[in-house]
Amino acid sequence: MWRYLKRPFDVTVAAAALLLLSPVIAAVAVLLWLNTGRPVFFIQVRPGLNGRPFRLVKFRTMRPQPSASDDRLSDSERLTSFGKLLRSTSLDELPELWNVLRGEMSLVGPRPLLLHYLEHYTPDQMRRHDVRPGLTGWAQVNGRNAIAWEAKFALDLWYVDHLSFLLDMKILLLTALQVGMRRGISAEGSATMPEFAPRRRGGDAAEMSE
């Protein structure tokens, strides 16, 4: 039953949140523009329901990569001080409410990862796309970016198999508590999360943008 009621719930909550938080969103946009300039938003194509691509929108927290390929910077070097504040408070995620309203995301579900990860997934891991990606999810309240990829995927698949109203409410409550405690923002030694590249062996993994 919840699979059918989940979408109306998402629309109602996302619309109300966008209305109530519009002053906060506007203030963050202005402060971001004053601190780091334009663009204010970071837009990237991510895989959604059934792997269909969509344009995810969030506040930009990193400086652009230098145009010269030899001068590429790590995520930690590109992450701005204001960006760190946005990430630690999860304010950078607020524009994704627009993605929820458009039907590209849900309030709760596996986080939308990078598009090129699809070619690396096993058939079982691909099942994380059987539901809409979420602003938050079971993996996010059980370690977020501080856990290994295998554990993250296992938690995502557990959510897909056990989706329910009570589970979604539990995840939303735990998310609010986690944001308040600012836990699991990044993986150890990384500004975000090391890139998922199971075919690579040895060496340091590249890091994902935003």
N, C-alpha and C. Protein backbone atom coordinates (compact mmCIF):
# COMPACT_ATOMS: atom_id res chain seq x y z
N MET A 1 0.82 -1.21 0.00
CA MET A 1 0.00 0.00 0.00
C MET A 1 0.86 1.27 0.00
N TRP A 2 1.96 1.25 0.81
CA TRP A 2 2.80 2.45 0.92
C TRP A 2 3.45 2.82 -0.40
N ARG A 3 3.73 1.83 -1.25
CA ARG A 3 4.32 2.11 -2.56
C ARG A 3 3.41 3.02 -3.39
N TYR A 4 2.10 2.95 -3.16
CA TYR A 4 1.16 3.78 -3.91
C TYR A 4 0.93 5.13 -3.23
N LEU A 5 1.08 5.18 -1.91
CA LEU A 5 0.85 6.42 -1.17
C LEU A 5 2.13 7.25 -1.03
N LYS A 6 3.26 6.63 -1.28
CA LYS A 6 4.56 7.28 -1.08
C LYS A 6 4.71 8.54 -1.94
N ARG A 7 4.30 8.45 -3.21
CA ARG A 7 4.45 9.59 -4.12
C ARG A 7 3.58 10.78 -3.69
N PRO A 8 2.28 10.60 -3.38
CA PRO A 8 1.50 11.74 -2.88
C PRO A 8 2.08 12.34 -1.60
N PHE A 9 2.62 11.50 -0.73
CA PHE A 9 3.25 11.98 0.50
C PHE A 9 4.46 12.84 0.16
N ASP A 10 5.29 12.37 -0.77
CA ASP A 10 6.48 13.12 -1.19
C ASP A 10 6.11 14.50 -1.73
N VAL A 11 5.10 14.54 -2.60
CA VAL A 11 4.68 15.79 -3.21
C VAL A 11 4.20 16.77 -2.15
N THR A 12 3.37 16.29 -1.23
CA THR A 12 2.82 17.15 -0.19
C THR A 12 3.91 17.73 0.70
N VAL A 13 4.81 16.86 1.16
CA VAL A 13 5.88 17.31 2.07
C VAL A 13 6.88 18.21 1.34
N ALA A 14 7.27 17.83 0.12
CA ALA A 14 8.24 18.63 -0.63
C ALA A 14 7.69 20.02 -0.93
N ALA A 15 6.42 20.10 -1.33
CA ALA A 15 5.81 21.40 -1.63
C ALA A 15 5.75 22.27 -0.38
N ALA A 16 5.35 21.68 0.75
CA ALA A 16 5.28 22.42 2.00
C ALA A 16 6.67 22.87 2.45
N ALA A 17 7.65 21.97 2.31
CA ALA A 17 9.02 22.30 2.73
C ALA A 17 9.61 23.41 1.86
N LEU A 18 9.37 23.35 0.55
CA LEU A 18 9.87 24.41 -0.33
C LEU A 18 9.26 25.76 0.03
N LEU A 19 7.98 25.74 0.36
CA LEU A 19 7.30 26.99 0.74
C LEU A 19 7.85 27.52 2.06
N LEU A 20 7.94 26.67 3.06
CA LEU A 20 8.38 27.10 4.39
C LEU A 20 9.86 27.46 4.41
N LEU A 21 10.66 26.74 3.64
CA LEU A 21 12.11 26.95 3.66
C LEU A 21 12.60 27.89 2.57
N SER A 22 11.68 28.48 1.81
CA SER A 22 12.10 29.38 0.73
C SER A 22 12.97 30.54 1.22
N PRO A 23 12.70 31.13 2.41
CA PRO A 23 13.62 32.17 2.89
C PRO A 23 15.03 31.64 3.17
N VAL A 24 15.10 30.42 3.71
CA VAL A 24 16.41 29.81 3.98
C VAL A 24 17.14 29.52 2.67
N ILE A 25 16.43 28.95 1.70
CA ILE A 25 17.03 28.64 0.40
C ILE A 25 17.54 29.91 -0.27
N ALA A 26 16.74 30.98 -0.21
CA ALA A 26 17.14 32.25 -0.81
C ALA A 26 18.37 32.82 -0.10
N ALA A 27 18.38 32.74 1.23
CA ALA A 27 19.51 33.27 2.00
C ALA A 27 20.79 32.50 1.70
N VAL A 28 20.70 31.18 1.62
CA VAL A 28 21.88 30.37 1.30
C VAL A 28 22.39 30.71 -0.10
N ALA A 29 21.48 30.88 -1.06
CA ALA A 29 21.87 31.22 -2.42
C ALA A 29 22.63 32.55 -2.46
N VAL A 30 22.13 33.55 -1.74
CA VAL A 30 22.79 34.86 -1.71
C VAL A 30 24.16 34.76 -1.03
N LEU A 31 24.22 34.09 0.11
CA LEU A 31 25.49 33.94 0.82
C LEU A 31 26.51 33.16 0.00
N LEU A 32 26.04 32.15 -0.71
CA LEU A 32 26.92 31.36 -1.55
C LEU A 32 27.48 32.21 -2.69
N TRP A 33 26.62 33.03 -3.28
CA TRP A 33 27.04 33.92 -4.36
C TRP A 33 28.07 34.93 -3.86
N LEU A 34 27.85 35.47 -2.65
CA LEU A 34 28.78 36.45 -2.08
C LEU A 34 30.11 35.80 -1.70
N ASN A 35 30.08 34.53 -1.26
CA ASN A 35 31.29 33.85 -0.79
C ASN A 35 32.10 33.24 -1.92
N THR A 36 31.43 32.62 -2.87
CA THR A 36 32.17 31.87 -3.90
C THR A 36 31.79 32.25 -5.32
N GLY A 37 30.84 33.17 -5.49
CA GLY A 37 30.46 33.59 -6.84
C GLY A 37 29.52 32.61 -7.51
N ARG A 38 29.36 32.77 -8.80
CA ARG A 38 28.48 31.91 -9.57
C ARG A 38 29.25 30.75 -10.19
N PRO A 39 28.56 29.64 -10.53
CA PRO A 39 27.12 29.39 -10.32
C PRO A 39 26.82 29.03 -8.88
N VAL A 40 25.60 29.30 -8.47
CA VAL A 40 25.17 28.97 -7.11
C VAL A 40 24.80 27.50 -7.01
N PHE A 41 24.22 26.96 -8.07
CA PHE A 41 23.75 25.57 -8.05
C PHE A 41 24.74 24.63 -8.76
N PHE A 42 24.81 23.43 -8.23
CA PHE A 42 25.55 22.35 -8.86
C PHE A 42 24.52 21.42 -9.50
N ILE A 43 24.61 21.23 -10.80
CA ILE A 43 23.65 20.39 -11.52
C ILE A 43 24.41 19.26 -12.20
N GLN A 44 23.97 18.04 -11.95
CA GLN A 44 24.66 16.88 -12.52
C GLN A 44 23.64 15.79 -12.86
N VAL A 45 23.85 15.12 -13.97
CA VAL A 45 22.97 14.03 -14.36
C VAL A 45 23.25 12.81 -13.48
N ARG A 46 22.21 12.28 -12.87
CA ARG A 46 22.31 11.09 -12.02
C ARG A 46 21.26 10.08 -12.45
N PRO A 47 21.46 8.79 -12.17
CA PRO A 47 20.45 7.78 -12.50
C PRO A 47 19.33 7.75 -11.46
N GLY A 48 18.10 7.69 -11.94
CA GLY A 48 16.95 7.66 -11.04
C GLY A 48 16.22 6.33 -11.10
N LEU A 49 14.90 6.38 -11.00
CA LEU A 49 14.07 5.18 -11.03
C LEU A 49 14.34 4.38 -12.30
N ASN A 50 14.60 3.09 -12.15
CA ASN A 50 14.92 2.19 -13.26
C ASN A 50 16.16 2.63 -14.04
N GLY A 51 17.01 3.43 -13.39
CA GLY A 51 18.25 3.87 -14.02
C GLY A 51 18.10 5.02 -14.98
N ARG A 52 16.88 5.58 -15.09
CA ARG A 52 16.67 6.70 -16.01
C ARG A 52 17.39 7.95 -15.51
N PRO A 53 18.14 8.63 -16.36
CA PRO A 53 18.89 9.81 -15.93
C PRO A 53 18.01 11.02 -15.67
N PHE A 54 18.39 11.81 -14.69
CA PHE A 54 17.72 13.09 -14.41
C PHE A 54 18.77 14.09 -13.95
N ARG A 55 18.41 15.35 -13.92
CA ARG A 55 19.34 16.41 -13.54
C ARG A 55 19.14 16.76 -12.07
N LEU A 56 20.05 16.29 -11.23
CA LEU A 56 20.02 16.57 -9.80
C LEU A 56 20.51 18.00 -9.56
N VAL A 57 19.81 18.71 -8.66
CA VAL A 57 20.17 20.09 -8.34
C VAL A 57 20.49 20.20 -6.85
N LYS A 58 21.64 20.78 -6.54
CA LYS A 58 21.99 21.06 -5.16
C LYS A 58 22.83 22.32 -5.12
N PHE A 59 23.10 22.85 -3.94
CA PHE A 59 23.95 24.01 -3.84
C PHE A 59 25.40 23.61 -4.08
N ARG A 60 26.14 24.45 -4.80
CA ARG A 60 27.54 24.17 -5.10
C ARG A 60 28.39 24.35 -3.85
N THR A 61 29.25 23.39 -3.58
CA THR A 61 30.12 23.46 -2.40
C THR A 61 31.60 23.42 -2.76
N MET A 62 31.91 23.23 -4.05
CA MET A 62 33.31 23.12 -4.48
C MET A 62 33.64 24.15 -5.56
N ARG A 63 34.92 24.50 -5.61
CA ARG A 63 35.41 25.32 -6.71
C ARG A 63 35.51 24.45 -7.95
N PRO A 64 35.34 25.02 -9.15
CA PRO A 64 35.50 24.24 -10.38
C PRO A 64 36.94 23.74 -10.53
N GLN A 65 37.11 22.64 -11.23
CA GLN A 65 38.44 22.14 -11.53
C GLN A 65 39.16 23.14 -12.46
N PRO A 66 40.48 23.34 -12.30
CA PRO A 66 41.23 24.18 -13.23
C PRO A 66 41.12 23.62 -14.65
N SER A 67 41.18 24.49 -15.63
CA SER A 67 41.04 24.05 -17.02
C SER A 67 42.21 23.17 -17.46
N ALA A 68 43.39 23.39 -16.92
CA ALA A 68 44.56 22.58 -17.28
C ALA A 68 44.48 21.22 -16.59
N SER A 69 44.58 20.15 -17.37
CA SER A 69 44.44 18.79 -16.82
C SER A 69 45.53 18.45 -15.82
N ASP A 70 46.71 19.08 -15.96
CA ASP A 70 47.82 18.80 -15.06
C ASP A 70 47.64 19.45 -13.69
N ASP A 71 46.68 20.35 -13.58
CA ASP A 71 46.48 21.08 -12.33
C ASP A 71 45.23 20.62 -11.58
N ARG A 72 44.77 19.39 -11.85
CA ARG A 72 43.56 18.91 -11.21
C ARG A 72 43.74 18.84 -9.70
N LEU A 73 42.69 19.27 -8.98
CA LEU A 73 42.72 19.32 -7.53
C LEU A 73 41.86 18.22 -6.94
N SER A 74 42.20 17.78 -5.73
CA SER A 74 41.37 16.79 -5.04
C SER A 74 40.11 17.48 -4.52
N ASP A 75 39.13 16.67 -4.12
CA ASP A 75 37.89 17.23 -3.60
C ASP A 75 38.15 18.09 -2.36
N SER A 76 39.08 17.64 -1.49
CA SER A 76 39.37 18.39 -0.27
C SER A 76 39.96 19.75 -0.59
N GLU A 77 40.71 19.86 -1.68
CA GLU A 77 41.29 21.13 -2.09
C GLU A 77 40.24 22.04 -2.72
N ARG A 78 39.25 21.45 -3.37
CA ARG A 78 38.21 22.23 -4.04
C ARG A 78 37.08 22.65 -3.11
N LEU A 79 36.92 21.93 -2.01
CA LEU A 79 35.82 22.21 -1.08
C LEU A 79 36.07 23.55 -0.38
N THR A 80 35.12 24.46 -0.50
CA THR A 80 35.26 25.78 0.11
C THR A 80 34.87 25.74 1.59
N SER A 81 35.29 26.75 2.33
CA SER A 81 34.94 26.81 3.75
C SER A 81 33.44 26.94 3.93
N PHE A 82 32.80 27.74 3.07
CA PHE A 82 31.34 27.86 3.14
C PHE A 82 30.68 26.56 2.70
N GLY A 83 31.31 25.88 1.73
CA GLY A 83 30.81 24.58 1.29
C GLY A 83 30.84 23.56 2.41
N LYS A 84 31.90 23.59 3.23
CA LYS A 84 31.99 22.68 4.37
C LYS A 84 30.83 22.91 5.33
N LEU A 85 30.50 24.18 5.54
CA LEU A 85 29.37 24.50 6.42
C LEU A 85 28.06 23.97 5.85
N LEU A 86 27.87 24.16 4.54
CA LEU A 86 26.64 23.67 3.90
C LEU A 86 26.54 22.16 4.01
N ARG A 87 27.66 21.46 3.78
CA ARG A 87 27.65 19.99 3.85
C ARG A 87 27.38 19.51 5.27
N SER A 88 28.02 20.16 6.26
CA SER A 88 27.89 19.69 7.64
C SER A 88 26.47 19.87 8.17
N THR A 89 25.74 20.82 7.60
CA THR A 89 24.35 21.07 8.01
C THR A 89 23.35 20.48 7.02
N SER A 90 23.85 19.88 5.93
CA SER A 90 23.03 19.31 4.85
C SER A 90 22.18 20.37 4.14
N LEU A 91 22.52 21.64 4.29
CA LEU A 91 21.79 22.69 3.59
C LEU A 91 22.03 22.64 2.09
N ASP A 92 23.14 22.02 1.68
CA ASP A 92 23.42 21.92 0.24
C ASP A 92 22.41 21.03 -0.47
N GLU A 93 21.68 20.20 0.30
CA GLU A 93 20.72 19.27 -0.28
C GLU A 93 19.33 19.88 -0.50
N LEU A 94 19.07 21.05 0.04
CA LEU A 94 17.72 21.62 -0.01
C LEU A 94 17.15 21.76 -1.42
N PRO A 95 17.94 22.16 -2.43
CA PRO A 95 17.36 22.28 -3.79
C PRO A 95 16.84 20.96 -4.34
N GLU A 96 17.27 19.83 -3.77
CA GLU A 96 16.78 18.54 -4.24
C GLU A 96 15.30 18.34 -3.95
N LEU A 97 14.73 19.19 -3.09
CA LEU A 97 13.28 19.14 -2.88
C LEU A 97 12.55 19.40 -4.19
N TRP A 98 13.18 20.19 -5.08
CA TRP A 98 12.60 20.43 -6.40
C TRP A 98 12.58 19.14 -7.21
N ASN A 99 13.65 18.33 -7.09
CA ASN A 99 13.68 17.03 -7.76
C ASN A 99 12.59 16.11 -7.23
N VAL A 100 12.33 16.20 -5.92
CA VAL A 100 11.26 15.40 -5.33
C VAL A 100 9.91 15.83 -5.89
N LEU A 101 9.69 17.13 -5.95
CA LEU A 101 8.43 17.66 -6.45
C LEU A 101 8.20 17.25 -7.91
N ARG A 102 9.26 17.19 -8.69
CA ARG A 102 9.17 16.82 -10.11
C ARG A 102 8.98 15.31 -10.32
N GLY A 103 9.13 14.53 -9.26
CA GLY A 103 8.95 13.09 -9.39
C GLY A 103 10.22 12.34 -9.74
N GLU A 104 11.35 13.03 -9.72
CA GLU A 104 12.63 12.39 -10.05
C GLU A 104 13.26 11.75 -8.83
N MET A 105 12.87 12.22 -7.65
CA MET A 105 13.40 11.69 -6.40
C MET A 105 12.27 11.51 -5.41
N SER A 106 12.60 10.85 -4.31
CA SER A 106 11.67 10.69 -3.19
C SER A 106 12.33 11.30 -1.96
N LEU A 107 11.55 11.51 -0.91
CA LEU A 107 12.16 11.97 0.34
C LEU A 107 13.10 10.90 0.89
N VAL A 108 12.71 9.64 0.75
CA VAL A 108 13.50 8.53 1.28
C VAL A 108 13.74 7.50 0.18
N GLY A 109 14.98 7.07 0.06
CA GLY A 109 15.36 6.08 -0.94
C GLY A 109 16.87 6.02 -1.05
N PRO A 110 17.42 5.11 -1.80
CA PRO A 110 18.87 5.08 -2.00
C PRO A 110 19.35 6.38 -2.63
N ARG A 111 20.46 6.91 -2.17
CA ARG A 111 20.97 8.15 -2.72
C ARG A 111 21.34 7.99 -4.20
N PRO A 112 21.06 8.99 -5.05
CA PRO A 112 21.44 8.90 -6.47
C PRO A 112 22.94 9.10 -6.62
N LEU A 113 23.61 8.12 -7.19
CA LEU A 113 25.06 8.17 -7.33
C LEU A 113 25.43 8.63 -8.74
N LEU A 114 26.67 8.43 -9.14
CA LEU A 114 27.12 8.90 -10.45
C LEU A 114 26.62 7.97 -11.56
N LEU A 115 26.38 8.56 -12.72
CA LEU A 115 25.78 7.83 -13.83
C LEU A 115 26.67 6.68 -14.31
N HIS A 116 27.98 6.91 -14.34
CA HIS A 116 28.86 5.87 -14.88
C HIS A 116 29.03 4.68 -13.93
N TYR A 117 28.50 4.78 -12.71
CA TYR A 117 28.55 3.63 -11.80
C TYR A 117 27.68 2.48 -12.31
N LEU A 118 26.66 2.81 -13.11
CA LEU A 118 25.72 1.78 -13.57
C LEU A 118 26.43 0.61 -14.25
N GLU A 119 27.48 0.90 -15.00
CA GLU A 119 28.18 -0.16 -15.73
C GLU A 119 28.96 -1.08 -14.82
N HIS A 120 29.16 -0.67 -13.56
CA HIS A 120 29.90 -1.49 -12.61
C HIS A 120 29.01 -2.34 -11.72
N TYR A 121 27.70 -2.05 -11.69
CA TYR A 121 26.82 -2.74 -10.77
C TYR A 121 26.59 -4.20 -11.17
N THR A 122 26.45 -5.04 -10.15
CA THR A 122 25.97 -6.40 -10.38
C THR A 122 24.45 -6.32 -10.58
N PRO A 123 23.82 -7.35 -11.12
CA PRO A 123 22.35 -7.32 -11.26
C PRO A 123 21.65 -7.06 -9.93
N ASP A 124 22.20 -7.60 -8.84
CA ASP A 124 21.58 -7.39 -7.54
C ASP A 124 21.73 -5.93 -7.10
N GLN A 125 22.91 -5.36 -7.27
CA GLN A 125 23.12 -3.96 -6.91
C GLN A 125 22.25 -3.03 -7.73
N MET A 126 21.95 -3.43 -8.96
CA MET A 126 21.11 -2.61 -9.83
C MET A 126 19.69 -2.47 -9.27
N ARG A 127 19.30 -3.37 -8.38
CA ARG A 127 17.95 -3.31 -7.80
C ARG A 127 17.74 -2.07 -6.94
N ARG A 128 18.80 -1.36 -6.59
CA ARG A 128 18.65 -0.12 -5.82
C ARG A 128 17.86 0.91 -6.62
N HIS A 129 17.77 0.69 -7.95
CA HIS A 129 17.02 1.60 -8.81
C HIS A 129 15.59 1.14 -9.04
N ASP A 130 15.14 0.14 -8.27
CA ASP A 130 13.74 -0.29 -8.35
C ASP A 130 12.81 0.71 -7.67
N VAL A 131 13.38 1.63 -6.90
CA VAL A 131 12.62 2.70 -6.27
C VAL A 131 13.28 4.03 -6.62
N ARG A 132 12.56 5.13 -6.42
CA ARG A 132 13.14 6.44 -6.68
C ARG A 132 14.29 6.71 -5.71
N PRO A 133 15.34 7.37 -6.16
CA PRO A 133 16.40 7.77 -5.23
C PRO A 133 15.87 8.78 -4.23
N GLY A 134 16.54 8.89 -3.09
CA GLY A 134 16.01 9.74 -2.03
C GLY A 134 16.94 10.84 -1.56
N LEU A 135 16.34 11.82 -0.90
CA LEU A 135 17.13 12.85 -0.21
C LEU A 135 17.94 12.21 0.90
N THR A 136 17.35 11.22 1.53
CA THR A 136 18.02 10.46 2.56
C THR A 136 17.62 9.00 2.41
N GLY A 137 18.32 8.12 3.09
CA GLY A 137 18.01 6.70 2.94
C GLY A 137 18.53 5.87 4.10
N TRP A 138 18.29 4.58 4.03
CA TRP A 138 18.71 3.66 5.10
C TRP A 138 20.22 3.66 5.26
N ALA A 139 20.95 3.74 4.14
CA ALA A 139 22.41 3.79 4.22
C ALA A 139 22.88 5.09 4.87
N GLN A 140 22.15 6.19 4.61
CA GLN A 140 22.56 7.48 5.15
C GLN A 140 22.43 7.53 6.67
N VAL A 141 21.44 6.86 7.23
CA VAL A 141 21.27 6.89 8.69
C VAL A 141 22.04 5.75 9.36
N ASN A 142 22.76 4.98 8.56
CA ASN A 142 23.59 3.89 9.10
C ASN A 142 25.05 4.06 8.68
N GLY A 143 25.49 5.30 8.63
CA GLY A 143 26.90 5.54 8.35
C GLY A 143 27.17 6.57 7.28
N ARG A 144 26.19 6.81 6.39
CA ARG A 144 26.31 7.82 5.34
C ARG A 144 27.58 7.57 4.52
N ASN A 145 28.48 8.53 4.41
CA ASN A 145 29.69 8.39 3.60
C ASN A 145 30.83 7.71 4.35
N ALA A 146 30.63 7.40 5.62
CA ALA A 146 31.70 6.84 6.43
C ALA A 146 31.75 5.31 6.37
N ILE A 147 30.89 4.67 5.56
CA ILE A 147 30.90 3.22 5.46
C ILE A 147 31.37 2.79 4.06
N ALA A 148 31.80 1.54 3.95
CA ALA A 148 32.31 1.02 2.68
C ALA A 148 31.18 0.86 1.67
N TRP A 149 31.56 0.84 0.39
CA TRP A 149 30.56 0.71 -0.68
C TRP A 149 29.72 -0.55 -0.54
N GLU A 150 30.35 -1.67 -0.19
CA GLU A 150 29.61 -2.93 -0.09
C GLU A 150 28.52 -2.83 0.97
N ALA A 151 28.85 -2.20 2.10
CA ALA A 151 27.87 -2.03 3.17
C ALA A 151 26.77 -1.07 2.73
N LYS A 152 27.14 -0.03 2.01
CA LYS A 152 26.15 0.95 1.53
C LYS A 152 25.14 0.28 0.60
N PHE A 153 25.64 -0.53 -0.35
CA PHE A 153 24.74 -1.20 -1.28
C PHE A 153 23.85 -2.22 -0.57
N ALA A 154 24.41 -2.92 0.40
CA ALA A 154 23.62 -3.90 1.16
C ALA A 154 22.47 -3.20 1.89
N LEU A 155 22.75 -2.04 2.46
CA LEU A 155 21.71 -1.29 3.16
C LEU A 155 20.66 -0.76 2.19
N ASP A 156 21.10 -0.31 1.02
CA ASP A 156 20.15 0.15 0.00
C ASP A 156 19.20 -0.96 -0.42
N LEU A 157 19.75 -2.14 -0.64
CA LEU A 157 18.93 -3.27 -1.09
C LEU A 157 17.99 -3.73 0.02
N TRP A 158 18.46 -3.66 1.26
CA TRP A 158 17.58 -4.01 2.38
C TRP A 158 16.39 -3.07 2.40
N TYR A 159 16.63 -1.79 2.15
CA TYR A 159 15.53 -0.82 2.12
C TYR A 159 14.54 -1.15 1.01
N VAL A 160 15.04 -1.46 -0.17
CA VAL A 160 14.16 -1.79 -1.30
C VAL A 160 13.27 -2.98 -0.95
N ASP A 161 13.83 -3.95 -0.25
CA ASP A 161 13.08 -5.17 0.09
C ASP A 161 12.13 -4.99 1.27
N HIS A 162 12.33 -3.93 2.07
CA HIS A 162 11.53 -3.76 3.28
C HIS A 162 10.80 -2.41 3.32
N LEU A 163 10.64 -1.79 2.18
CA LEU A 163 10.01 -0.47 2.10
C LEU A 163 8.65 -0.46 2.80
N SER A 164 8.46 0.52 3.67
CA SER A 164 7.18 0.66 4.38
C SER A 164 7.06 2.07 4.92
N PHE A 165 5.85 2.44 5.30
CA PHE A 165 5.59 3.76 5.88
C PHE A 165 6.40 3.95 7.16
N LEU A 166 6.34 2.97 8.06
CA LEU A 166 7.04 3.10 9.34
C LEU A 166 8.55 3.21 9.13
N LEU A 167 9.10 2.45 8.17
CA LEU A 167 10.53 2.53 7.91
C LEU A 167 10.90 3.92 7.39
N ASP A 168 10.10 4.47 6.49
CA ASP A 168 10.39 5.81 5.97
C ASP A 168 10.32 6.86 7.08
N MET A 169 9.34 6.76 7.97
CA MET A 169 9.24 7.71 9.07
C MET A 169 10.44 7.58 10.01
N LYS A 170 10.88 6.36 10.24
CA LYS A 170 12.05 6.13 11.09
C LYS A 170 13.29 6.75 10.46
N ILE A 171 13.45 6.59 9.14
CA ILE A 171 14.62 7.14 8.45
C ILE A 171 14.60 8.67 8.49
N LEU A 172 13.43 9.27 8.30
CA LEU A 172 13.33 10.73 8.35
C LEU A 172 13.68 11.25 9.74
N LEU A 173 13.22 10.56 10.78
CA LEU A 173 13.53 10.97 12.15
C LEU A 173 15.02 10.82 12.44
N LEU A 174 15.59 9.68 12.05
CA LEU A 174 17.02 9.45 12.28
C LEU A 174 17.88 10.43 11.48
N THR A 175 17.39 10.81 10.29
CA THR A 175 18.12 11.79 9.48
C THR A 175 18.19 13.12 10.20
N ALA A 176 17.07 13.56 10.77
CA ALA A 176 17.05 14.83 11.51
C ALA A 176 18.02 14.79 12.68
N LEU A 177 18.07 13.67 13.38
CA LEU A 177 19.00 13.53 14.51
C LEU A 177 20.45 13.51 14.02
N GLN A 178 20.69 12.82 12.91
CA GLN A 178 22.04 12.72 12.37
C GLN A 178 22.56 14.07 11.88
N VAL A 179 21.69 14.83 11.21
CA VAL A 179 22.09 16.16 10.74
C VAL A 179 22.44 17.03 11.93
N GLY A 180 21.66 16.91 13.02
CA GLY A 180 21.94 17.69 14.21
C GLY A 180 23.28 17.35 14.82
N MET A 181 23.68 16.07 14.72
CA MET A 181 24.97 15.64 15.28
C MET A 181 26.11 15.73 14.26
N ARG A 182 25.74 15.99 12.97
CA ARG A 182 26.73 16.16 11.89
C ARG A 182 27.66 14.97 11.79
N ARG A 183 27.09 13.77 11.70
CA ARG A 183 27.88 12.54 11.62
C ARG A 183 27.89 11.99 10.21
N GLY A 184 29.01 11.31 9.85
CA GLY A 184 29.11 10.59 8.59
C GLY A 184 29.15 11.45 7.36
N ILE A 185 29.59 12.72 7.48
CA ILE A 185 29.58 13.64 6.35
C ILE A 185 30.50 13.15 5.24
N SER A 186 31.65 12.61 5.61
CA SER A 186 32.62 12.16 4.61
C SER A 186 33.31 10.90 5.06
N ALA A 187 33.92 10.19 4.09
CA ALA A 187 34.70 9.01 4.40
C ALA A 187 36.03 9.44 5.00
N GLU A 188 36.65 8.57 5.78
CA GLU A 188 37.91 8.90 6.42
C GLU A 188 38.96 9.23 5.36
N GLY A 189 39.63 10.38 5.53
CA GLY A 189 40.66 10.78 4.59
C GLY A 189 40.15 11.33 3.29
N SER A 190 38.86 11.62 3.22
CA SER A 190 38.26 12.10 1.97
C SER A 190 37.28 13.22 2.28
N ALA A 191 37.15 14.16 1.31
CA ALA A 191 36.19 15.25 1.50
C ALA A 191 34.77 14.77 1.25
N THR A 192 34.61 13.69 0.49
CA THR A 192 33.28 13.15 0.20
C THR A 192 33.32 11.64 0.38
N MET A 193 33.26 10.91 -0.73
CA MET A 193 33.29 9.45 -0.71
C MET A 193 34.15 8.99 -1.87
N PRO A 194 35.15 8.11 -1.65
CA PRO A 194 35.96 7.62 -2.76
C PRO A 194 35.08 7.04 -3.86
N GLU A 195 35.50 7.19 -5.10
CA GLU A 195 34.70 6.72 -6.22
C GLU A 195 34.54 5.21 -6.21
N PHE A 196 33.35 4.77 -6.57
CA PHE A 196 33.07 3.33 -6.68
C PHE A 196 33.65 2.83 -8.00
N ALA A 197 34.71 2.05 -7.92
CA ALA A 197 35.36 1.52 -9.12
C ALA A 197 35.89 0.13 -8.80
N PRO A 198 35.01 -0.89 -8.73
CA PRO A 198 35.40 -2.22 -8.29
C PRO A 198 36.40 -2.92 -9.21
N ARG A 199 36.49 -2.45 -10.46
CA ARG A 199 37.41 -3.11 -11.38
C ARG A 199 38.84 -2.67 -11.19
N ARG A 200 39.05 -1.59 -10.42
CA ARG A 200 40.38 -1.11 -10.17
C ARG A 200 40.95 -1.81 -8.96
N ARG A 201 42.20 -2.09 -8.99
CA ARG A 201 42.87 -2.74 -7.86
C ARG A 201 44.15 -1.98 -7.56
N GLY A 202 44.31 -1.59 -6.29
CA GLY A 202 45.51 -0.88 -5.90
C GLY A 202 45.41 0.60 -6.23
N GLY A 203 46.25 1.40 -5.54
CA GLY A 203 46.26 2.83 -5.81
C GLY A 203 45.08 3.52 -5.15
N ASP A 204 45.08 4.82 -5.23
CA ASP A 204 44.01 5.62 -4.64
C ASP A 204 42.89 5.80 -5.63
N ALA A 205 41.67 5.63 -5.17
CA ALA A 205 40.52 5.85 -6.04
C ALA A 205 40.31 7.33 -6.25
N ALA A 206 39.78 7.67 -7.41
CA ALA A 206 39.43 9.06 -7.66
C ALA A 206 38.25 9.42 -6.77
N GLU A 207 38.02 10.72 -6.59
CA GLU A 207 36.93 11.14 -5.74
C GLU A 207 35.84 11.78 -6.58
N MET A 208 34.61 11.64 -6.08
CA MET A 208 33.47 12.13 -6.83
C MET A 208 33.27 13.62 -6.62
N SER A 209 32.68 14.29 -7.57
CA SER A 209 32.42 15.72 -7.48
C SER A 209 31.11 15.98 -6.78
N GLU A 210 31.14 16.90 -5.81
CA GLU A 210 29.95 17.32 -5.07
C GLU A 210 29.25 16.12 -4.46
